Amino acid sequence: MFTSNIFAIMGLRALYFLLADMADRFHLLKYGLAIVLVFIGGKMLAMPWFHMPIQWSLSIVGGIILVSVVASLAFSKPQSAAAGEEA
């Protein structure tokens, strides 16, 4: 039990740094991740009354992340924001 918790914590730490790097590359990813957190929180609150299949949840989460990444690629960062970060 202890080793599984240790490996889970190490995996979450690595995932955090991966997402932090991805958020720098895709400027709309942070909004997508916020929507994912709201979705998961709402799903947890509605669990006593509504059961959503796991495949639906994974599809929705993956879709939200995919849309935020594609939107980041399609809509480039405004030049004023990009110039402000470099200074």
PDB file of N, CA and C in Angstrom:
ATOM      1  N   MET A   1       0.824  -1.171   0.000  1.00  0.00           N
ATOM      2  CA  MET A   1       0.000   0.000   0.000  1.00  0.00           C
ATOM      3  C   MET A   1       0.887   1.261   0.000  1.00  0.00           C
ATOM      4  N   PHE A   2       1.933   1.248   0.770  1.00  0.00           N
ATOM      5  CA  PHE A   2       2.793   2.421   0.841  1.00  0.00           C
ATOM      6  C   PHE A   2       3.500   2.684  -0.488  1.00  0.00           C
ATOM      7  N   THR A   3       3.978   1.613  -1.122  1.00  0.00           N
ATOM      8  CA  THR A   3       4.684   1.812  -2.395  1.00  0.00           C
ATOM      9  C   THR A   3       3.742   2.310  -3.483  1.00  0.00           C
ATOM     10  N   SER A   4       2.494   1.835  -3.488  1.00  0.00           N
ATOM     11  CA  SER A   4       1.554   2.324  -4.500  1.00  0.00           C
ATOM     12  C   SER A   4       1.261   3.802  -4.297  1.00  0.00           C
ATOM     13  N   ASN A   5       1.161   4.249  -3.053  1.00  0.00           N
ATOM     14  CA  ASN A   5       0.949   5.673  -2.777  1.00  0.00           C
ATOM     15  C   ASN A   5       2.164   6.502  -3.195  1.00  0.00           C
ATOM     16  N   ILE A   6       3.341   5.988  -2.943  1.00  0.00           N
ATOM     17  CA  ILE A   6       4.567   6.702  -3.326  1.00  0.00           C
ATOM     18  C   ILE A   6       4.646   6.848  -4.844  1.00  0.00           C
ATOM     19  N   PHE A   7       4.365   5.733  -5.562  1.00  0.00           N
ATOM     20  CA  PHE A   7       4.401   5.806  -7.023  1.00  0.00           C
ATOM     21  C   PHE A   7       3.311   6.729  -7.556  1.00  0.00           C
ATOM     22  N   ALA A   8       2.139   6.760  -6.929  1.00  0.00           N
ATOM     23  CA  ALA A   8       1.075   7.657  -7.355  1.00  0.00           C
ATOM     24  C   ALA A   8       1.489   9.116  -7.167  1.00  0.00           C
ATOM     25  N   ILE A   9       2.098   9.424  -6.053  1.00  0.00           N
ATOM     26  CA  ILE A   9       2.549  10.791  -5.791  1.00  0.00           C
ATOM     27  C   ILE A   9       3.635  11.191  -6.778  1.00  0.00           C
ATOM     28  N   MET A  10       4.566  10.286  -7.055  1.00  0.00           N
ATOM     29  CA  MET A  10       5.631  10.596  -8.016  1.00  0.00           C
ATOM     30  C   MET A  10       5.045  10.806  -9.411  1.00  0.00           C
ATOM     31  N   GLY A  11       4.048  10.004  -9.775  1.00  0.00           N
ATOM     32  CA  GLY A  11       3.411  10.159 -11.079  1.00  0.00           C
ATOM     33  C   GLY A  11       2.650  11.462 -11.180  1.00  0.00           C
ATOM     34  N   LEU A  12       1.966  11.849 -10.113  1.00  0.00           N
ATOM     35  CA  LEU A  12       1.233  13.119 -10.126  1.00  0.00           C
ATOM     36  C   LEU A  12       2.185  14.306 -10.201  1.00  0.00           C
ATOM     37  N   ARG A  13       3.322  14.194  -9.537  1.00  0.00           N
ATOM     38  CA  ARG A  13       4.310  15.271  -9.590  1.00  0.00           C
ATOM     39  C   ARG A  13       4.845  15.438 -11.008  1.00  0.00           C
ATOM     40  N   ALA A  14       5.156  14.327 -11.665  1.00  0.00           N
ATOM     41  CA  ALA A  14       5.634  14.383 -13.045  1.00  0.00           C
ATOM     42  C   ALA A  14       4.539  14.915 -13.973  1.00  0.00           C
ATOM     43  N   LEU A  15       3.294  14.512 -13.733  1.00  0.00           N
ATOM     44  CA  LEU A  15       2.182  14.994 -14.551  1.00  0.00           C
ATOM     45  C   LEU A  15       1.983  16.492 -14.373  1.00  0.00           C
ATOM     46  N   TYR A  16       2.179  16.990 -13.151  1.00  0.00           N
ATOM     47  CA  TYR A  16       2.044  18.428 -12.915  1.00  0.00           C
ATOM     48  C   TYR A  16       3.065  19.204 -13.740  1.00  0.00           C
ATOM     49  N   PHE A  17       4.320  18.778 -13.728  1.00  0.00           N
ATOM     50  CA  PHE A  17       5.345  19.503 -14.482  1.00  0.00           C
ATOM     51  C   PHE A  17       5.114  19.387 -15.986  1.00  0.00           C
ATOM     52  N   LEU A  18       4.591  18.260 -16.438  1.00  0.00           N
ATOM     53  CA  LEU A  18       4.245  18.117 -17.846  1.00  0.00           C
ATOM     54  C   LEU A  18       3.139  19.090 -18.231  1.00  0.00           C
ATOM     55  N   LEU A  19       2.095  19.183 -17.402  1.00  0.00           N
ATOM     56  CA  LEU A  19       0.996  20.105 -17.696  1.00  0.00           C
ATOM     57  C   LEU A  19       1.436  21.560 -17.588  1.00  0.00           C
ATOM     58  N   ALA A  20       2.334  21.865 -16.662  1.00  0.00           N
ATOM     59  CA  ALA A  20       2.835  23.234 -16.547  1.00  0.00           C
ATOM     60  C   ALA A  20       3.595  23.632 -17.807  1.00  0.00           C
ATOM     61  N   ASP A  21       4.392  22.720 -18.352  1.00  0.00           N
ATOM     62  CA  ASP A  21       5.107  22.989 -19.594  1.00  0.00           C
ATOM     63  C   ASP A  21       4.138  23.111 -20.762  1.00  0.00           C
ATOM     64  N   MET A  22       3.134  22.252 -20.783  1.00  0.00           N
ATOM     65  CA  MET A  22       2.147  22.301 -21.863  1.00  0.00           C
ATOM     66  C   MET A  22       1.341  23.601 -21.798  1.00  0.00           C
ATOM     67  N   ALA A  23       1.072  24.105 -20.596  1.00  0.00           N
ATOM     68  CA  ALA A  23       0.316  25.347 -20.454  1.00  0.00           C
ATOM     69  C   ALA A  23       1.098  26.524 -21.029  1.00  0.00           C
ATOM     70  N   ASP A  24       2.424  26.467 -20.980  1.00  0.00           N
ATOM     71  CA  ASP A  24       3.227  27.521 -21.594  1.00  0.00           C
ATOM     72  C   ASP A  24       3.153  27.456 -23.114  1.00  0.00           C
ATOM     73  N   ARG A  25       3.091  26.253 -23.645  1.00  0.00           N
ATOM     74  CA  ARG A  25       3.046  26.089 -25.099  1.00  0.00           C
ATOM     75  C   ARG A  25       1.663  26.363 -25.672  1.00  0.00           C
ATOM     76  N   PHE A  26       0.619  25.938 -24.957  1.00  0.00           N
ATOM     77  CA  PHE A  26      -0.757  26.118 -25.405  1.00  0.00           C
ATOM     78  C   PHE A  26      -1.450  27.064 -24.432  1.00  0.00           C
ATOM     79  N   HIS A  27      -1.647  28.314 -24.846  1.00  0.00           N
ATOM     80  CA  HIS A  27      -2.106  29.346 -23.923  1.00  0.00           C
ATOM     81  C   HIS A  27      -3.551  29.160 -23.477  1.00  0.00           C
ATOM     82  N   LEU A  28      -4.359  28.378 -24.160  1.00  0.00           N
ATOM     83  CA  LEU A  28      -5.750  28.147 -23.756  1.00  0.00           C
ATOM     84  C   LEU A  28      -5.925  26.857 -22.960  1.00  0.00           C
ATOM     85  N   LEU A  29      -4.851  26.120 -22.742  1.00  0.00           N
ATOM     86  CA  LEU A  29      -4.947  24.849 -22.023  1.00  0.00           C
ATOM     87  C   LEU A  29      -5.367  25.059 -20.571  1.00  0.00           C
ATOM     88  N   LYS A  30      -4.952  26.147 -19.955  1.00  0.00           N
ATOM     89  CA  LYS A  30      -5.321  26.376 -18.553  1.00  0.00           C
ATOM     90  C   LYS A  30      -6.832  26.546 -18.402  1.00  0.00           C
ATOM     91  N   TYR A  31      -7.478  27.129 -19.407  1.00  0.00           N
ATOM     92  CA  TYR A  31      -8.934  27.256 -19.351  1.00  0.00           C
ATOM     93  C   TYR A  31      -9.602  25.898 -19.561  1.00  0.00           C
ATOM     94  N   GLY A  32      -9.040  25.097 -20.445  1.00  0.00           N
ATOM     95  CA  GLY A  32      -9.560  23.748 -20.648  1.00  0.00           C
ATOM     96  C   GLY A  32      -9.436  22.899 -19.400  1.00  0.00           C
ATOM     97  N   LEU A  33      -8.301  23.006 -18.709  1.00  0.00           N
ATOM     98  CA  LEU A  33      -8.116  22.246 -17.472  1.00  0.00           C
ATOM     99  C   LEU A  33      -9.063  22.736 -16.380  1.00  0.00           C
ATOM    100  N   ALA A  34      -9.352  24.030 -16.358  1.00  0.00           N
ATOM    101  CA  ALA A  34     -10.316  24.557 -15.392  1.00  0.00           C
ATOM    102  C   ALA A  34     -11.710  23.996 -15.670  1.00  0.00           C
ATOM    103  N   ILE A  35     -12.073  23.893 -16.943  1.00  0.00           N
ATOM    104  CA  ILE A  35     -13.373  23.314 -17.297  1.00  0.00           C
ATOM    105  C   ILE A  35     -13.418  21.835 -16.919  1.00  0.00           C
ATOM    106  N   VAL A  36     -12.311  21.134 -17.099  1.00  0.00           N
ATOM    107  CA  VAL A  36     -12.252  19.723 -16.702  1.00  0.00           C
ATOM    108  C   VAL A  36     -12.469  19.589 -15.196  1.00  0.00           C
ATOM    109  N   LEU A  37     -11.827  20.452 -14.415  1.00  0.00           N
ATOM    110  CA  LEU A  37     -12.002  20.389 -12.958  1.00  0.00           C
ATOM    111  C   LEU A  37     -13.441  20.682 -12.553  1.00  0.00           C
ATOM    112  N   VAL A  38     -14.082  21.648 -13.213  1.00  0.00           N
ATOM    113  CA  VAL A  38     -15.481  21.954 -12.920  1.00  0.00           C
ATOM    114  C   VAL A  38     -16.362  20.757 -13.285  1.00  0.00           C
ATOM    115  N   PHE A  39     -16.078  20.137 -14.426  1.00  0.00           N
ATOM    116  CA  PHE A  39     -16.850  18.967 -14.846  1.00  0.00           C
ATOM    117  C   PHE A  39     -16.721  17.827 -13.842  1.00  0.00           C
ATOM    118  N   ILE A  40     -15.499  17.528 -13.431  1.00  0.00           N
ATOM    119  CA  ILE A  40     -15.280  16.430 -12.484  1.00  0.00           C
ATOM    120  C   ILE A  40     -15.939  16.742 -11.136  1.00  0.00           C
ATOM    121  N   GLY A  41     -15.831  17.986 -10.687  1.00  0.00           N
ATOM    122  CA  GLY A  41     -16.483  18.372  -9.436  1.00  0.00           C
ATOM    123  C   GLY A  41     -17.994  18.248  -9.525  1.00  0.00           C
ATOM    124  N   GLY A  42     -18.574  18.688 -10.641  1.00  0.00           N
ATOM    125  CA  GLY A  42     -20.017  18.554 -10.830  1.00  0.00           C
ATOM    126  C   GLY A  42     -20.442  17.095 -10.911  1.00  0.00           C
ATOM    127  N   LYS A  43     -19.630  16.286 -11.546  1.00  0.00           N
ATOM    128  CA  LYS A  43     -19.927  14.854 -11.642  1.00  0.00           C
ATOM    129  C   LYS A  43     -19.901  14.209 -10.255  1.00  0.00           C
ATOM    130  N   MET A  44     -18.929  14.603  -9.439  1.00  0.00           N
ATOM    131  CA  MET A  44     -18.851  14.053  -8.088  1.00  0.00           C
ATOM    132  C   MET A  44     -20.040  14.492  -7.236  1.00  0.00           C
ATOM    133  N   LEU A  45     -20.479  15.740  -7.413  1.00  0.00           N
ATOM    134  CA  LEU A  45     -21.630  16.223  -6.647  1.00  0.00           C
ATOM    135  C   LEU A  45     -22.926  15.545  -7.086  1.00  0.00           C
ATOM    136  N   ALA A  46     -23.047  15.236  -8.372  1.00  0.00           N
ATOM    137  CA  ALA A  46     -24.274  14.625  -8.901  1.00  0.00           C
ATOM    138  C   ALA A  46     -24.273  13.105  -8.793  1.00  0.00           C
ATOM    139  N   MET A  47     -23.207  12.510  -8.295  1.00  0.00           N
ATOM    140  CA  MET A  47     -23.099  11.052  -8.266  1.00  0.00           C
ATOM    141  C   MET A  47     -24.237  10.351  -7.520  1.00  0.00           C
ATOM    142  N   PRO A  48     -24.745  10.891  -6.410  1.00  0.00           N
ATOM    143  CA  PRO A  48     -25.847  10.177  -5.743  1.00  0.00           C
ATOM    144  C   PRO A  48     -27.125  10.079  -6.597  1.00  0.00           C
ATOM    145  N   TRP A  49     -27.302  10.992  -7.542  1.00  0.00           N
ATOM    146  CA  TRP A  49     -28.530  11.014  -8.334  1.00  0.00           C
ATOM    147  C   TRP A  49     -28.338  10.572  -9.776  1.00  0.00           C
ATOM    148  N   PHE A  50     -27.130  10.692 -10.283  1.00  0.00           N
ATOM    149  CA  PHE A  50     -26.879  10.403 -11.697  1.00  0.00           C
ATOM    150  C   PHE A  50     -25.553   9.681 -11.839  1.00  0.00           C
ATOM    151  N   HIS A  51     -25.580   8.541 -12.522  1.00  0.00           N
ATOM    152  CA  HIS A  51     -24.347   7.793 -12.778  1.00  0.00           C
ATOM    153  C   HIS A  51     -23.973   7.937 -14.249  1.00  0.00           C
ATOM    154  N   MET A  52     -22.796   8.464 -14.503  1.00  0.00           N
ATOM    155  CA  MET A  52     -22.303   8.613 -15.873  1.00  0.00           C
ATOM    156  C   MET A  52     -21.296   7.496 -16.141  1.00  0.00           C
ATOM    157  N   PRO A  53     -21.441   6.808 -17.268  1.00  0.00           N
ATOM    158  CA  PRO A  53     -20.468   5.755 -17.592  1.00  0.00           C
ATOM    159  C   PRO A  53     -19.051   6.313 -17.727  1.00  0.00           C
ATOM    160  N   ILE A  54     -18.074   5.494 -17.388  1.00  0.00           N
ATOM    161  CA  ILE A  54     -16.678   5.907 -17.403  1.00  0.00           C
ATOM    162  C   ILE A  54     -16.240   6.345 -18.800  1.00  0.00           C
ATOM    163  N   GLN A  55     -16.710   5.646 -19.823  1.00  0.00           N
ATOM    164  CA  GLN A  55     -16.332   5.989 -21.192  1.00  0.00           C
ATOM    165  C   GLN A  55     -16.804   7.395 -21.558  1.00  0.00           C
ATOM    166  N   TRP A  56     -17.983   7.769 -21.091  1.00  0.00           N
ATOM    167  CA  TRP A  56     -18.489   9.124 -21.373  1.00  0.00           C
ATOM    168  C   TRP A  56     -17.611  10.159 -20.693  1.00  0.00           C
ATOM    169  N   SER A  57     -17.278   9.908 -19.428  1.00  0.00           N
ATOM    170  CA  SER A  57     -16.443  10.860 -18.682  1.00  0.00           C
ATOM    171  C   SER A  57     -15.086  11.038 -19.353  1.00  0.00           C
ATOM    172  N   LEU A  58     -14.455   9.927 -19.716  1.00  0.00           N
ATOM    173  CA  LEU A  58     -13.149  10.022 -20.369  1.00  0.00           C
ATOM    174  C   LEU A  58     -13.254  10.725 -21.714  1.00  0.00           C
ATOM    175  N   SER A  59     -14.328  10.464 -22.446  1.00  0.00           N
ATOM    176  CA  SER A  59     -14.517  11.126 -23.739  1.00  0.00           C
ATOM    177  C   SER A  59     -14.703  12.627 -23.561  1.00  0.00           C
ATOM    178  N   ILE A  60     -15.465  13.020 -22.570  1.00  0.00           N
ATOM    179  CA  ILE A  60     -15.699  14.449 -22.328  1.00  0.00           C
ATOM    180  C   ILE A  60     -14.403  15.139 -21.904  1.00  0.00           C
ATOM    181  N   VAL A  61     -13.662  14.532 -20.983  1.00  0.00           N
ATOM    182  CA  VAL A  61     -12.403  15.122 -20.521  1.00  0.00           C
ATOM    183  C   VAL A  61     -11.405  15.211 -21.674  1.00  0.00           C
ATOM    184  N   GLY A  62     -11.265  14.132 -22.426  1.00  0.00           N
ATOM    185  CA  GLY A  62     -10.353  14.148 -23.572  1.00  0.00           C
ATOM    186  C   GLY A  62     -10.775  15.160 -24.622  1.00  0.00           C
ATOM    187  N   GLY A  63     -12.089  15.275 -24.845  1.00  0.00           N
ATOM    188  CA  GLY A  63     -12.600  16.250 -25.810  1.00  0.00           C
ATOM    189  C   GLY A  63     -12.331  17.683 -25.396  1.00  0.00           C
ATOM    190  N   ILE A  64     -12.505  17.962 -24.112  1.00  0.00           N
ATOM    191  CA  ILE A  64     -12.247  19.324 -23.617  1.00  0.00           C
ATOM    192  C   ILE A  64     -10.771  19.676 -23.789  1.00  0.00           C
ATOM    193  N   ILE A  65      -9.899  18.759 -23.430  1.00  0.00           N
ATOM    194  CA  ILE A  65      -8.465  19.027 -23.566  1.00  0.00           C
ATOM    195  C   ILE A  65      -8.076  19.165 -25.034  1.00  0.00           C
ATOM    196  N   LEU A  66      -8.631  18.298 -25.880  1.00  0.00           N
ATOM    197  CA  LEU A  66      -8.342  18.373 -27.311  1.00  0.00           C
ATOM    198  C   LEU A  66      -8.816  19.693 -27.912  1.00  0.00           C
ATOM    199  N   VAL A  67     -10.011  20.127 -27.552  1.00  0.00           N
ATOM    200  CA  VAL A  67     -10.537  21.393 -28.069  1.00  0.00           C
ATOM    201  C   VAL A  67      -9.678  22.566 -27.602  1.00  0.00           C
ATOM    202  N   SER A  68      -9.229  22.549 -26.351  1.00  0.00           N
ATOM    203  CA  SER A  68      -8.411  23.659 -25.867  1.00  0.00           C
ATOM    204  C   SER A  68      -7.050  23.692 -26.558  1.00  0.00           C
ATOM    205  N   VAL A  69      -6.470  22.535 -26.848  1.00  0.00           N
ATOM    206  CA  VAL A  69      -5.179  22.494 -27.553  1.00  0.00           C
ATOM    207  C   VAL A  69      -5.351  22.966 -28.999  1.00  0.00           C
ATOM    208  N   VAL A  70      -6.397  22.473 -29.669  1.00  0.00           N
ATOM    209  CA  VAL A  70      -6.640  22.882 -31.053  1.00  0.00           C
ATOM    210  C   VAL A  70      -6.957  24.371 -31.128  1.00  0.00           C
ATOM    211  N   ALA A  71      -7.734  24.873 -30.171  1.00  0.00           N
ATOM    212  CA  ALA A  71      -8.040  26.306 -30.155  1.00  0.00           C
ATOM    213  C   ALA A  71      -6.772  27.129 -29.919  1.00  0.00           C
ATOM    214  N   SER A  72      -5.867  26.624 -29.100  1.00  0.00           N
ATOM    215  CA  SER A  72      -4.601  27.330 -28.872  1.00  0.00           C
ATOM    216  C   SER A  72      -3.777  27.399 -30.144  1.00  0.00           C
ATOM    217  N   LEU A  73      -3.804  26.317 -30.920  1.00  0.00           N
ATOM    218  CA  LEU A  73      -3.061  26.313 -32.174  1.00  0.00           C
ATOM    219  C   LEU A  73      -3.736  27.188 -33.226  1.00  0.00           C
ATOM    220  N   ALA A  74      -5.071  27.185 -33.238  1.00  0.00           N
ATOM    221  CA  ALA A  74      -5.816  27.943 -34.249  1.00  0.00           C
ATOM    222  C   ALA A  74      -5.766  29.449 -33.973  1.00  0.00           C
ATOM    223  N   PHE A  75      -5.918  29.819 -32.719  1.00  0.00           N
ATOM    224  CA  PHE A  75      -5.924  31.230 -32.344  1.00  0.00           C
ATOM    225  C   PHE A  75      -4.632  31.536 -31.615  1.00  0.00           C
ATOM    226  N   SER A  76      -3.732  32.208 -32.295  1.00  0.00           N
ATOM    227  CA  SER A  76      -2.439  32.503 -31.680  1.00  0.00           C
ATOM    228  C   SER A  76      -2.609  33.516 -30.571  1.00  0.00           C
ATOM    229  N   LYS A  77      -1.622  33.560 -29.706  1.00  0.00           N
ATOM    230  CA  LYS A  77      -1.632  34.480 -28.572  1.00  0.00           C
ATOM    231  C   LYS A  77      -1.564  35.912 -29.088  1.00  0.00           C
ATOM    232  N   PRO A  78      -2.341  36.831 -28.502  1.00  0.00           N
ATOM    233  CA  PRO A  78      -2.269  38.235 -28.939  1.00  0.00           C
ATOM    234  C   PRO A  78      -0.854  38.785 -28.806  1.00  0.00           C
ATOM    235  N   GLN A  79      -0.458  39.633 -29.732  1.00  0.00           N
ATOM    236  CA  GLN A  79       0.897  40.146 -29.751  1.00  0.00           C
ATOM    237  C   GLN A  79       1.211  40.995 -28.525  1.00  0.00           C
ATOM    238  N   SER A  80       0.231  41.729 -27.997  1.00  0.00           N
ATOM    239  CA  SER A  80       0.488  42.558 -26.836  1.00  0.00           C
ATOM    240  C   SER A  80       0.805  41.691 -25.608  1.00  0.00           C
ATOM    241  N   ALA A  81       0.111  40.553 -25.464  1.00  0.00           N
ATOM    242  CA  ALA A  81       0.386  39.660 -24.343  1.00  0.00           C
ATOM    243  C   ALA A  81       1.731  38.957 -24.533  1.00  0.00           C
ATOM    244  N   ALA A  82       2.038  38.580 -25.767  1.00  0.00           N
ATOM    245  CA  ALA A  82       3.306  37.919 -26.025  1.00  0.00           C
ATOM    246  C   ALA A  82       4.480  38.875 -25.806  1.00  0.00           C
ATOM    247  N   ALA A  83       4.323  40.135 -26.188  1.00  0.00           N
ATOM    248  CA  ALA A  83       5.403  41.101 -26.004  1.00  0.00           C
ATOM    249  C   ALA A  83       5.578  41.437 -24.520  1.00  0.00           C
ATOM    250  N   GLY A  84       4.473  41.425 -23.746  1.00  0.00           N
ATOM    251  CA  GLY A  84       4.563  41.737 -22.328  1.00  0.00           C
ATOM    252  C   GLY A  84       5.268  40.662 -21.551  1.00  0.00           C
ATOM    253  N   GLU A  85       5.181  39.422 -21.979  1.00  0.00           N
ATOM    254  CA  GLU A  85       5.845  38.331 -21.275  1.00  0.00           C
ATOM    255  C   GLU A  85       7.334  38.311 -21.531  1.00  0.00           C
ATOM    256  N   GLU A  86       7.748  38.795 -22.702  1.00  0.00           N
ATOM    257  CA  GLU A  86       9.172  38.778 -23.039  1.00  0.00           C
ATOM    258  C   GLU A  86       9.941  39.844 -22.277  1.00  0.00           C
ATOM    259  N   ALA A  87       9.275  40.918 -21.938  1.00  0.00           N
ATOM    260  CA  ALA A  87       9.969  42.035 -21.272  1.00  0.00           C
ATOM    261  C   ALA A  87      10.201  41.731 -19.809  1.00  0.00           C
TER     262      ALA A  87
END
